[in-house]
Amino acid sequence: MSNQYEPKFEDLDDFLDSLLRGREIVIEYHGKQYDIFYLEKGFYVAQSNHDETKKVYPTPDEALEHTIDGVKIKDIITTVEIVHRSI
């Protein structure tokens, strides 16, 4: 299902730009949602509403290496469904 209100990321630079600007991003992959955003201590990645899955990375490049169902974020970010992308 395509979401006309939250466009997909054009490329990794588009995604990194959003992260570095402090945008909150929610993606869906294999029927699960994941939150990705910046906090004071780093870049936060977790399955939505599952705080026990939280990982915090010091750099955005390290966050791109985070795996979801065995696949790195950097390899799927331009194809996943974007549920939310804050302005």
PDB file of N, CA and C in Angstrom:
ATOM      1  N   MET A   1       0.847  -1.177   0.000  1.00  0.00           N
ATOM      2  CA  MET A   1       0.000   0.000   0.000  1.00  0.00           C
ATOM      3  C   MET A   1       0.890   1.237   0.000  1.00  0.00           C
ATOM      4  N   SER A   2       0.654   2.125  -0.915  1.00  0.00           N
ATOM      5  CA  SER A   2       1.453   3.344  -1.016  1.00  0.00           C
ATOM      6  C   SER A   2       0.868   4.436  -0.133  1.00  0.00           C
ATOM      7  N   ASN A   3       1.731   5.190   0.494  1.00  0.00           N
ATOM      8  CA  ASN A   3       1.304   6.276   1.357  1.00  0.00           C
ATOM      9  C   ASN A   3       1.666   7.585   0.670  1.00  0.00           C
ATOM     10  N   GLN A   4       0.688   8.265   0.094  1.00  0.00           N
ATOM     11  CA  GLN A   4       0.948   9.474  -0.682  1.00  0.00           C
ATOM     12  C   GLN A   4       1.385  10.650   0.179  1.00  0.00           C
ATOM     13  N   TYR A   5       1.213  10.568   1.491  1.00  0.00           N
ATOM     14  CA  TYR A   5       1.538  11.696   2.354  1.00  0.00           C
ATOM     15  C   TYR A   5       2.949  11.638   2.913  1.00  0.00           C
ATOM     16  N   GLU A   6       3.548  10.491   2.931  1.00  0.00           N
ATOM     17  CA  GLU A   6       4.894  10.324   3.460  1.00  0.00           C
ATOM     18  C   GLU A   6       5.766   9.680   2.386  1.00  0.00           C
ATOM     19  N   PRO A   7       6.378  10.469   1.504  1.00  0.00           N
ATOM     20  CA  PRO A   7       7.144   9.891   0.392  1.00  0.00           C
ATOM     21  C   PRO A   7       8.362   9.098   0.860  1.00  0.00           C
ATOM     22  N   LYS A   8       8.728   8.138   0.040  1.00  0.00           N
ATOM     23  CA  LYS A   8       9.916   7.337   0.328  1.00  0.00           C
ATOM     24  C   LYS A   8      11.164   8.213   0.239  1.00  0.00           C
ATOM     25  N   PHE A   9      12.228   7.766   0.871  1.00  0.00           N
ATOM     26  CA  PHE A   9      13.494   8.487   0.788  1.00  0.00           C
ATOM     27  C   PHE A   9      14.086   8.260  -0.599  1.00  0.00           C
ATOM     28  N   GLU A  10      14.599   9.318  -1.186  1.00  0.00           N
ATOM     29  CA  GLU A  10      15.189   9.226  -2.525  1.00  0.00           C
ATOM     30  C   GLU A  10      16.463   8.395  -2.517  1.00  0.00           C
ATOM     31  N   ASP A  11      17.286   8.574  -1.467  1.00  0.00           N
ATOM     32  CA  ASP A  11      18.552   7.862  -1.358  1.00  0.00           C
ATOM     33  C   ASP A  11      19.036   7.953   0.081  1.00  0.00           C
ATOM     34  N   LEU A  12      20.202   7.393   0.362  1.00  0.00           N
ATOM     35  CA  LEU A  12      20.744   7.423   1.726  1.00  0.00           C
ATOM     36  C   LEU A  12      20.980   8.843   2.218  1.00  0.00           C
ATOM     37  N   ASP A  13      21.427   9.728   1.331  1.00  0.00           N
ATOM     38  CA  ASP A  13      21.668  11.115   1.727  1.00  0.00           C
ATOM     39  C   ASP A  13      20.387  11.800   2.184  1.00  0.00           C
ATOM     40  N   ASP A  14      19.266  11.517   1.525  1.00  0.00           N
ATOM     41  CA  ASP A  14      17.967  12.068   1.907  1.00  0.00           C
ATOM     42  C   ASP A  14      17.601  11.597   3.316  1.00  0.00           C
ATOM     43  N   PHE A  15      17.804  10.319   3.588  1.00  0.00           N
ATOM     44  CA  PHE A  15      17.530   9.753   4.910  1.00  0.00           C
ATOM     45  C   PHE A  15      18.447  10.373   5.965  1.00  0.00           C
ATOM     46  N   LEU A  16      19.751  10.426   5.681  1.00  0.00           N
ATOM     47  CA  LEU A  16      20.706  10.998   6.632  1.00  0.00           C
ATOM     48  C   LEU A  16      20.406  12.467   6.909  1.00  0.00           C
ATOM     49  N   ASP A  17      20.025  13.205   5.892  1.00  0.00           N
ATOM     50  CA  ASP A  17      19.666  14.607   6.065  1.00  0.00           C
ATOM     51  C   ASP A  17      18.499  14.738   7.047  1.00  0.00           C
ATOM     52  N   SER A  18      17.504  13.892   6.899  1.00  0.00           N
ATOM     53  CA  SER A  18      16.360  13.920   7.812  1.00  0.00           C
ATOM     54  C   SER A  18      16.801  13.612   9.243  1.00  0.00           C
ATOM     55  N   LEU A  19      17.640  12.596   9.408  1.00  0.00           N
ATOM     56  CA  LEU A  19      18.120  12.246  10.751  1.00  0.00           C
ATOM     57  C   LEU A  19      18.909  13.390  11.377  1.00  0.00           C
ATOM     58  N   LEU A  20      19.814  13.963  10.605  1.00  0.00           N
ATOM     59  CA  LEU A  20      20.680  15.016  11.134  1.00  0.00           C
ATOM     60  C   LEU A  20      19.909  16.303  11.435  1.00  0.00           C
ATOM     61  N   ARG A  21      18.761  16.478  10.827  1.00  0.00           N
ATOM     62  CA  ARG A  21      17.910  17.637  11.110  1.00  0.00           C
ATOM     63  C   ARG A  21      16.954  17.379  12.273  1.00  0.00           C
ATOM     64  N   GLY A  22      17.081  16.192  12.886  1.00  0.00           N
ATOM     65  CA  GLY A  22      16.266  15.881  14.057  1.00  0.00           C
ATOM     66  C   GLY A  22      14.867  15.392  13.739  1.00  0.00           C
ATOM     67  N   ARG A  23      14.658  14.919  12.521  1.00  0.00           N
ATOM     68  CA  ARG A  23      13.339  14.425  12.133  1.00  0.00           C
ATOM     69  C   ARG A  23      13.049  13.094  12.822  1.00  0.00           C
ATOM     70  N   GLU A  24      11.802  12.882  13.159  1.00  0.00           N
ATOM     71  CA  GLU A  24      11.362  11.586  13.662  1.00  0.00           C
ATOM     72  C   GLU A  24      10.847  10.795  12.473  1.00  0.00           C
ATOM     73  N   ILE A  25      11.317   9.561  12.354  1.00  0.00           N
ATOM     74  CA  ILE A  25      10.975   8.726  11.217  1.00  0.00           C
ATOM     75  C   ILE A  25      10.398   7.415  11.729  1.00  0.00           C
ATOM     76  N   VAL A  26       9.290   6.996  11.137  1.00  0.00           N
ATOM     77  CA  VAL A  26       8.705   5.688  11.440  1.00  0.00           C
ATOM     78  C   VAL A  26       8.573   4.964  10.112  1.00  0.00           C
ATOM     79  N   ILE A  27       9.163   3.768  10.055  1.00  0.00           N
ATOM     80  CA  ILE A  27       9.087   2.952   8.846  1.00  0.00           C
ATOM     81  C   ILE A  27       8.344   1.659   9.156  1.00  0.00           C
ATOM     82  N   GLU A  28       7.861   1.012   8.110  1.00  0.00           N
ATOM     83  CA  GLU A  28       7.260  -0.309   8.263  1.00  0.00           C
ATOM     84  C   GLU A  28       8.029  -1.286   7.395  1.00  0.00           C
ATOM     85  N   TYR A  29       8.382  -2.424   7.997  1.00  0.00           N
ATOM     86  CA  TYR A  29       9.118  -3.457   7.281  1.00  0.00           C
ATOM     87  C   TYR A  29       8.630  -4.805   7.777  1.00  0.00           C
ATOM     88  N   HIS A  30       8.204  -5.654   6.862  1.00  0.00           N
ATOM     89  CA  HIS A  30       7.663  -6.977   7.187  1.00  0.00           C
ATOM     90  C   HIS A  30       6.540  -6.901   8.224  1.00  0.00           C
ATOM     91  N   GLY A  31       5.682  -5.904   8.070  1.00  0.00           N
ATOM     92  CA  GLY A  31       4.503  -5.791   8.928  1.00  0.00           C
ATOM     93  C   GLY A  31       4.761  -5.212  10.311  1.00  0.00           C
ATOM     94  N   LYS A  32       5.979  -4.761  10.574  1.00  0.00           N
ATOM     95  CA  LYS A  32       6.312  -4.165  11.872  1.00  0.00           C
ATOM     96  C   LYS A  32       6.780  -2.737  11.651  1.00  0.00           C
ATOM     97  N   GLN A  33       6.496  -1.890  12.629  1.00  0.00           N
ATOM     98  CA  GLN A  33       6.939  -0.498  12.543  1.00  0.00           C
ATOM     99  C   GLN A  33       8.172  -0.275  13.408  1.00  0.00           C
ATOM    100  N   TYR A  34       9.040   0.626  12.921  1.00  0.00           N
ATOM    101  CA  TYR A  34      10.286   0.946  13.612  1.00  0.00           C
ATOM    102  C   TYR A  34      10.459   2.459  13.685  1.00  0.00           C
ATOM    103  N   ASP A  35      10.901   2.931  14.850  1.00  0.00           N
ATOM    104  CA  ASP A  35      11.154   4.349  15.087  1.00  0.00           C
ATOM    105  C   ASP A  35      12.644   4.609  14.922  1.00  0.00           C
ATOM    106  N   ILE A  36      12.972   5.700  14.231  1.00  0.00           N
ATOM    107  CA  ILE A  36      14.368   6.097  14.043  1.00  0.00           C
ATOM    108  C   ILE A  36      14.429   7.608  14.232  1.00  0.00           C
ATOM    109  N   PHE A  37      15.247   8.049  15.189  1.00  0.00           N
ATOM    110  CA  PHE A  37      15.379   9.491  15.407  1.00  0.00           C
ATOM    111  C   PHE A  37      16.593   9.785  16.276  1.00  0.00           C
ATOM    112  N   TYR A  38      16.909  11.066  16.413  1.00  0.00           N
ATOM    113  CA  TYR A  38      18.059  11.500  17.202  1.00  0.00           C
ATOM    114  C   TYR A  38      17.620  11.868  18.613  1.00  0.00           C
ATOM    115  N   LEU A  39      18.381  11.409  19.597  1.00  0.00           N
ATOM    116  CA  LEU A  39      18.236  11.806  20.995  1.00  0.00           C
ATOM    117  C   LEU A  39      19.549  12.449  21.423  1.00  0.00           C
ATOM    118  N   GLU A  40      19.583  12.983  22.610  1.00  0.00           N
ATOM    119  CA  GLU A  40      20.793  13.639  23.118  1.00  0.00           C
ATOM    120  C   GLU A  40      22.037  12.759  23.031  1.00  0.00           C
ATOM    121  N   LYS A  41      21.858  11.462  23.244  1.00  0.00           N
ATOM    122  CA  LYS A  41      23.008  10.564  23.317  1.00  0.00           C
ATOM    123  C   LYS A  41      23.327   9.872  22.004  1.00  0.00           C
ATOM    124  N   GLY A  42      22.500  10.058  20.996  1.00  0.00           N
ATOM    125  CA  GLY A  42      22.778   9.408  19.724  1.00  0.00           C
ATOM    126  C   GLY A  42      21.538   9.146  18.904  1.00  0.00           C
ATOM    127  N   PHE A  43      21.667   8.219  17.977  1.00  0.00           N
ATOM    128  CA  PHE A  43      20.602   7.894  17.038  1.00  0.00           C
ATOM    129  C   PHE A  43      19.899   6.631  17.511  1.00  0.00           C
ATOM    130  N   TYR A  44      18.620   6.769  17.743  1.00  0.00           N
ATOM    131  CA  TYR A  44      17.779   5.762  18.375  1.00  0.00           C
ATOM    132  C   TYR A  44      17.059   4.954  17.301  1.00  0.00           C
ATOM    133  N   VAL A  45      17.090   3.622  17.446  1.00  0.00           N
ATOM    134  CA  VAL A  45      16.356   2.724  16.555  1.00  0.00           C
ATOM    135  C   VAL A  45      15.672   1.681  17.423  1.00  0.00           C
ATOM    136  N   ALA A  46      14.367   1.473  17.212  1.00  0.00           N
ATOM    137  CA  ALA A  46      13.641   0.454  17.967  1.00  0.00           C
ATOM    138  C   ALA A  46      12.368   0.088  17.236  1.00  0.00           C
ATOM    139  N   GLN A  47      11.912  -1.132  17.482  1.00  0.00           N
ATOM    140  CA  GLN A  47      10.585  -1.488  16.984  1.00  0.00           C
ATOM    141  C   GLN A  47       9.584  -0.654  17.776  1.00  0.00           C
ATOM    142  N   SER A  48       8.624  -0.074  17.093  1.00  0.00           N
ATOM    143  CA  SER A  48       7.638   0.793  17.738  1.00  0.00           C
ATOM    144  C   SER A  48       6.939   0.060  18.882  1.00  0.00           C
ATOM    145  N   ASN A  49       6.809   0.751  20.004  1.00  0.00           N
ATOM    146  CA  ASN A  49       6.137   0.246  21.196  1.00  0.00           C
ATOM    147  C   ASN A  49       6.812  -0.983  21.801  1.00  0.00           C
ATOM    148  N   HIS A  50       8.093  -1.168  21.524  1.00  0.00           N
ATOM    149  CA  HIS A  50       8.882  -2.264  22.092  1.00  0.00           C
ATOM    150  C   HIS A  50      10.218  -1.685  22.559  1.00  0.00           C
ATOM    151  N   ASP A  51      10.168  -0.941  23.646  1.00  0.00           N
ATOM    152  CA  ASP A  51      11.362  -0.243  24.125  1.00  0.00           C
ATOM    153  C   ASP A  51      12.526  -1.194  24.407  1.00  0.00           C
ATOM    154  N   GLU A  52      12.227  -2.463  24.686  1.00  0.00           N
ATOM    155  CA  GLU A  52      13.298  -3.421  24.967  1.00  0.00           C
ATOM    156  C   GLU A  52      14.166  -3.691  23.730  1.00  0.00           C
ATOM    157  N   THR A  53      13.699  -3.289  22.543  1.00  0.00           N
ATOM    158  CA  THR A  53      14.490  -3.478  21.321  1.00  0.00           C
ATOM    159  C   THR A  53      15.366  -2.271  21.013  1.00  0.00           C
ATOM    160  N   LYS A  54      15.311  -1.261  21.843  1.00  0.00           N
ATOM    161  CA  LYS A  54      16.014   0.003  21.601  1.00  0.00           C
ATOM    162  C   LYS A  54      17.529  -0.182  21.512  1.00  0.00           C
ATOM    163  N   LYS A  55      18.087   0.453  20.501  1.00  0.00           N
ATOM    164  CA  LYS A  55      19.537   0.562  20.346  1.00  0.00           C
ATOM    165  C   LYS A  55      19.835   2.028  20.092  1.00  0.00           C
ATOM    166  N   VAL A  56      20.917   2.529  20.686  1.00  0.00           N
ATOM    167  CA  VAL A  56      21.326   3.910  20.468  1.00  0.00           C
ATOM    168  C   VAL A  56      22.739   3.884  19.895  1.00  0.00           C
ATOM    169  N   TYR A  57      22.900   4.567  18.760  1.00  0.00           N
ATOM    170  CA  TYR A  57      24.178   4.598  18.054  1.00  0.00           C
ATOM    171  C   TYR A  57      24.756   6.005  18.100  1.00  0.00           C
ATOM    172  N   PRO A  58      26.069   6.142  18.308  1.00  0.00           N
ATOM    173  CA  PRO A  58      26.674   7.478  18.409  1.00  0.00           C
ATOM    174  C   PRO A  58      26.699   8.255  17.099  1.00  0.00           C
ATOM    175  N   THR A  59      26.651   7.563  15.961  1.00  0.00           N
ATOM    176  CA  THR A  59      26.698   8.260  14.674  1.00  0.00           C
ATOM    177  C   THR A  59      25.572   7.746  13.774  1.00  0.00           C
ATOM    178  N   PRO A  60      25.153   8.562  12.810  1.00  0.00           N
ATOM    179  CA  PRO A  60      24.117   8.095  11.884  1.00  0.00           C
ATOM    180  C   PRO A  60      24.611   6.931  11.018  1.00  0.00           C
ATOM    181  N   ASP A  61      25.897   6.908  10.686  1.00  0.00           N
ATOM    182  CA  ASP A  61      26.438   5.806   9.887  1.00  0.00           C
ATOM    183  C   ASP A  61      26.310   4.471  10.616  1.00  0.00           C
ATOM    184  N   GLU A  62      26.509   4.503  11.929  1.00  0.00           N
ATOM    185  CA  GLU A  62      26.353   3.278  12.713  1.00  0.00           C
ATOM    186  C   GLU A  62      24.894   2.864  12.771  1.00  0.00           C
ATOM    187  N   ALA A  63      23.983   3.829  12.846  1.00  0.00           N
ATOM    188  CA  ALA A  63      22.547   3.522  12.844  1.00  0.00           C
ATOM    189  C   ALA A  63      22.144   2.861  11.527  1.00  0.00           C
ATOM    190  N   LEU A  64      22.767   3.271  10.429  1.00  0.00           N
ATOM    191  CA  LEU A  64      22.476   2.662   9.118  1.00  0.00           C
ATOM    192  C   LEU A  64      22.847   1.184   9.070  1.00  0.00           C
ATOM    193  N   GLU A  65      23.759   0.769   9.942  1.00  0.00           N
ATOM    194  CA  GLU A  65      24.192  -0.629   9.986  1.00  0.00           C
ATOM    195  C   GLU A  65      23.266  -1.496  10.836  1.00  0.00           C
ATOM    196  N   HIS A  66      22.322  -0.865  11.548  1.00  0.00           N
ATOM    197  CA  HIS A  66      21.364  -1.608  12.380  1.00  0.00           C
ATOM    198  C   HIS A  66      20.590  -2.580  11.499  1.00  0.00           C
ATOM    199  N   THR A  67      20.394  -3.815  11.981  1.00  0.00           N
ATOM    200  CA  THR A  67      19.675  -4.802  11.184  1.00  0.00           C
ATOM    201  C   THR A  67      18.245  -4.978  11.680  1.00  0.00           C
ATOM    202  N   ILE A  68      17.353  -5.106  10.716  1.00  0.00           N
ATOM    203  CA  ILE A  68      15.943  -5.403  10.958  1.00  0.00           C
ATOM    204  C   ILE A  68      15.651  -6.681  10.180  1.00  0.00           C
ATOM    205  N   ASP A  69      15.260  -7.709  10.877  1.00  0.00           N
ATOM    206  CA  ASP A  69      15.024  -9.011  10.235  1.00  0.00           C
ATOM    207  C   ASP A  69      16.207  -9.428   9.366  1.00  0.00           C
ATOM    208  N   GLY A  70      17.421  -9.180   9.864  1.00  0.00           N
ATOM    209  CA  GLY A  70      18.635  -9.613   9.181  1.00  0.00           C
ATOM    210  C   GLY A  70      19.105  -8.732   8.035  1.00  0.00           C
ATOM    211  N   VAL A  71      18.425  -7.582   7.824  1.00  0.00           N
ATOM    212  CA  VAL A  71      18.791  -6.679   6.730  1.00  0.00           C
ATOM    213  C   VAL A  71      19.169  -5.324   7.313  1.00  0.00           C
ATOM    214  N   LYS A  72      20.256  -4.740   6.836  1.00  0.00           N
ATOM    215  CA  LYS A  72      20.694  -3.439   7.337  1.00  0.00           C
ATOM    216  C   LYS A  72      19.757  -2.333   6.870  1.00  0.00           C
ATOM    217  N   ILE A  73      19.540  -1.349   7.745  1.00  0.00           N
ATOM    218  CA  ILE A  73      18.679  -0.217   7.398  1.00  0.00           C
ATOM    219  C   ILE A  73      19.142   0.428   6.103  1.00  0.00           C
ATOM    220  N   LYS A  74      20.439   0.577   5.918  1.00  0.00           N
ATOM    221  CA  LYS A  74      20.947   1.247   4.717  1.00  0.00           C
ATOM    222  C   LYS A  74      20.553   0.520   3.438  1.00  0.00           C
ATOM    223  N   ASP A  75      20.261  -0.784   3.534  1.00  0.00           N
ATOM    224  CA  ASP A  75      19.908  -1.562   2.361  1.00  0.00           C
ATOM    225  C   ASP A  75      18.413  -1.539   2.040  1.00  0.00           C
ATOM    226  N   ILE A  76      17.595  -1.042   2.980  1.00  0.00           N
ATOM    227  CA  ILE A  76      16.144  -1.056   2.758  1.00  0.00           C
ATOM    228  C   ILE A  76      15.481   0.317   2.853  1.00  0.00           C
ATOM    229  N   ILE A  77      16.194   1.325   3.315  1.00  0.00           N
ATOM    230  CA  ILE A  77      15.555   2.598   3.652  1.00  0.00           C
ATOM    231  C   ILE A  77      14.877   3.271   2.460  1.00  0.00           C
ATOM    232  N   THR A  78      15.335   3.035   1.255  1.00  0.00           N
ATOM    233  CA  THR A  78      14.704   3.678   0.098  1.00  0.00           C
ATOM    234  C   THR A  78      13.512   2.879  -0.434  1.00  0.00           C
ATOM    235  N   THR A  79      13.269   1.689   0.119  1.00  0.00           N
ATOM    236  CA  THR A  79      12.170   0.864  -0.379  1.00  0.00           C
ATOM    237  C   THR A  79      11.078   0.599   0.644  1.00  0.00           C
ATOM    238  N   VAL A  80      11.368   0.839   1.933  1.00  0.00           N
ATOM    239  CA  VAL A  80      10.372   0.559   2.970  1.00  0.00           C
ATOM    240  C   VAL A  80       9.226   1.564   2.919  1.00  0.00           C
ATOM    241  N   GLU A  81       8.116   1.182   3.530  1.00  0.00           N
ATOM    242  CA  GLU A  81       6.974   2.086   3.651  1.00  0.00           C
ATOM    243  C   GLU A  81       7.287   3.119   4.730  1.00  0.00           C
ATOM    244  N   ILE A  82       7.109   4.391   4.427  1.00  0.00           N
ATOM    245  CA  ILE A  82       7.325   5.456   5.405  1.00  0.00           C
ATOM    246  C   ILE A  82       5.974   5.726   6.059  1.00  0.00           C
ATOM    247  N   VAL A  83       5.879   5.437   7.342  1.00  0.00           N
ATOM    248  CA  VAL A  83       4.640   5.650   8.094  1.00  0.00           C
ATOM    249  C   VAL A  83       4.550   7.089   8.551  1.00  0.00           C
ATOM    250  N   HIS A  84       5.683   7.628   9.002  1.00  0.00           N
ATOM    251  CA  HIS A  84       5.731   9.007   9.475  1.00  0.00           C
ATOM    252  C   HIS A  84       7.113   9.584   9.226  1.00  0.00           C
ATOM    253  N   ARG A  85       7.120  10.816   8.822  1.00  0.00           N
ATOM    254  CA  ARG A  85       8.383  11.543   8.589  1.00  0.00           C
ATOM    255  C   ARG A  85       8.113  12.985   9.003  1.00  0.00           C
ATOM    256  N   SER A  86       8.553  13.360  10.212  1.00  0.00           N
ATOM    257  CA  SER A  86       8.230  14.684  10.735  1.00  0.00           C
ATOM    258  C   SER A  86       8.896  15.782   9.913  1.00  0.00           C
ATOM    259  N   ILE A  87       8.297  16.938   9.987  1.00  0.00           N
ATOM    260  CA  ILE A  87       8.778  18.102   9.223  1.00  0.00           C
ATOM    261  C   ILE A  87       9.829  18.850  10.009  1.00  0.00           C
TER     262      ILE A  87
END
